[in-house]
Amino acid sequence: MELSLSGSENKNKYLVGSESMISQIFYNLVYNAIIYTPEKGLVKVGYSIKNNKYLVSISDTGIGISNQN
């Protein structure tokens, strides 16, 4: 599996909030992307900053979530 990281700026930025909750959210999203992506699949983690707010994206080539869920 390939893991791709990308961002639009290299400046230091800070997130305000509970460190443990923010860490848990990112861990869960990335972990789920990894375990549901096939061996030769791709997981992409990226971010951009728009209007002074972070936009974070995590995508993968895994099985996805059905429309029923």
C-alpha atoms as a PDB file:
ATOM      1  CA  MET A   1       0.000   0.000   0.000  1.00  0.00           C
ATOM      2  CA  GLU A   2       1.140   3.543  -0.723  1.00  0.00           C
ATOM      3  CA  LEU A   3       0.550   6.446   1.692  1.00  0.00           C
ATOM      4  CA  SER A   4       0.577   9.916   0.165  1.00  0.00           C
ATOM      5  CA  LEU A   5       0.774  13.119   2.236  1.00  0.00           C
ATOM      6  CA  SER A   6       0.251  16.556   0.734  1.00  0.00           C
ATOM      7  CA  GLY A   7      -0.451  20.092   1.847  1.00  0.00           C
ATOM      8  CA  SER A   8      -0.672  23.560   0.430  1.00  0.00           C
ATOM      9  CA  GLU A   9       1.605  25.356   2.902  1.00  0.00           C
ATOM     10  CA  ASN A  10       4.714  24.502   4.879  1.00  0.00           C
ATOM     11  CA  LYS A  11       4.145  27.066   7.630  1.00  0.00           C
ATOM     12  CA  ASN A  12       3.550  25.979  11.214  1.00  0.00           C
ATOM     13  CA  LYS A  13      -0.165  26.057  12.018  1.00  0.00           C
ATOM     14  CA  TYR A  14      -2.002  25.159  15.191  1.00  0.00           C
ATOM     15  CA  LEU A  15      -5.276  23.412  15.892  1.00  0.00           C
ATOM     16  CA  VAL A  16      -7.261  24.535  18.903  1.00  0.00           C
ATOM     17  CA  GLY A  17      -9.082  21.823  20.789  1.00  0.00           C
ATOM     18  CA  SER A  18      -8.585  18.755  22.899  1.00  0.00           C
ATOM     19  CA  GLU A  19      -5.278  17.190  21.860  1.00  0.00           C
ATOM     20  CA  SER A  20      -6.479  13.698  22.721  1.00  0.00           C
ATOM     21  CA  MET A  21      -9.751  14.102  20.770  1.00  0.00           C
ATOM     22  CA  ILE A  22      -8.034  15.557  17.691  1.00  0.00           C
ATOM     23  CA  SER A  23      -5.436  12.769  17.801  1.00  0.00           C
ATOM     24  CA  GLN A  24      -8.159  10.123  18.160  1.00  0.00           C
ATOM     25  CA  ILE A  25     -10.127  11.515  15.198  1.00  0.00           C
ATOM     26  CA  PHE A  26      -7.099  11.509  12.897  1.00  0.00           C
ATOM     27  CA  TYR A  27      -5.999   8.090  14.138  1.00  0.00           C
ATOM     28  CA  ASN A  28      -9.448   6.567  13.491  1.00  0.00           C
ATOM     29  CA  LEU A  29      -9.772   8.061  10.006  1.00  0.00           C
ATOM     30  CA  VAL A  30      -6.283   7.068   8.856  1.00  0.00           C
ATOM     31  CA  TYR A  31      -6.426   3.637  10.541  1.00  0.00           C
ATOM     32  CA  ASN A  32      -9.756   2.807   8.877  1.00  0.00           C
ATOM     33  CA  ALA A  33      -8.444   3.972   5.507  1.00  0.00           C
ATOM     34  CA  ILE A  34      -5.396   1.728   5.898  1.00  0.00           C
ATOM     35  CA  ILE A  35      -7.169  -1.442   7.075  1.00  0.00           C
ATOM     36  CA  TYR A  36      -9.860  -1.252   4.365  1.00  0.00           C
ATOM     37  CA  THR A  37      -7.445  -0.553   1.510  1.00  0.00           C
ATOM     38  CA  PRO A  38      -6.065  -3.492  -0.476  1.00  0.00           C
ATOM     39  CA  GLU A  39      -2.354  -4.288  -0.388  1.00  0.00           C
ATOM     40  CA  LYS A  40      -1.665  -2.478  -3.654  1.00  0.00           C
ATOM     41  CA  GLY A  41      -4.103   0.352  -2.885  1.00  0.00           C
ATOM     42  CA  LEU A  42      -3.541   4.004  -2.075  1.00  0.00           C
ATOM     43  CA  VAL A  43      -4.324   6.135   0.986  1.00  0.00           C
ATOM     44  CA  LYS A  44      -4.074   9.910   0.542  1.00  0.00           C
ATOM     45  CA  VAL A  45      -3.940  12.402   3.414  1.00  0.00           C
ATOM     46  CA  GLY A  46      -3.966  16.050   2.470  1.00  0.00           C
ATOM     47  CA  TYR A  47      -4.858  19.480   3.707  1.00  0.00           C
ATOM     48  CA  SER A  48      -5.339  22.996   2.503  1.00  0.00           C
ATOM     49  CA  ILE A  49      -6.085  26.272   4.237  1.00  0.00           C
ATOM     50  CA  LYS A  50      -9.047  28.360   3.099  1.00  0.00           C
ATOM     51  CA  ASN A  51     -10.364  31.440   4.880  1.00  0.00           C
ATOM     52  CA  ASN A  52      -8.009  30.711   7.800  1.00  0.00           C
ATOM     53  CA  LYS A  53      -9.540  27.229   8.284  1.00  0.00           C
ATOM     54  CA  TYR A  54      -8.025  23.821   7.672  1.00  0.00           C
ATOM     55  CA  LEU A  55      -9.636  21.540   5.127  1.00  0.00           C
ATOM     56  CA  VAL A  56      -8.409  17.990   5.714  1.00  0.00           C
ATOM     57  CA  SER A  57      -9.023  15.134   3.309  1.00  0.00           C
ATOM     58  CA  ILE A  58      -8.401  11.440   3.798  1.00  0.00           C
ATOM     59  CA  SER A  59      -9.206   9.175   0.877  1.00  0.00           C
ATOM     60  CA  ASP A  60      -8.450   5.598  -0.056  1.00  0.00           C
ATOM     61  CA  THR A  61      -9.026   2.984  -2.711  1.00  0.00           C
ATOM     62  CA  GLY A  62     -10.710   0.640  -0.246  1.00  0.00           C
ATOM     63  CA  ILE A  63     -14.187  -0.880  -0.270  1.00  0.00           C
ATOM     64  CA  GLY A  64     -15.969   2.312   0.827  1.00  0.00           C
ATOM     65  CA  ILE A  65     -19.261   2.710   2.639  1.00  0.00           C
ATOM     66  CA  SER A  66     -22.460   1.532   1.006  1.00  0.00           C
ATOM     67  CA  ASN A  67     -25.170   4.059   0.164  1.00  0.00           C
ATOM     68  CA  GLN A  68     -27.421   2.328   2.724  1.00  0.00           C
ATOM     69  CA  ASN A  69     -25.110   3.435   5.544  1.00  0.00           C
END
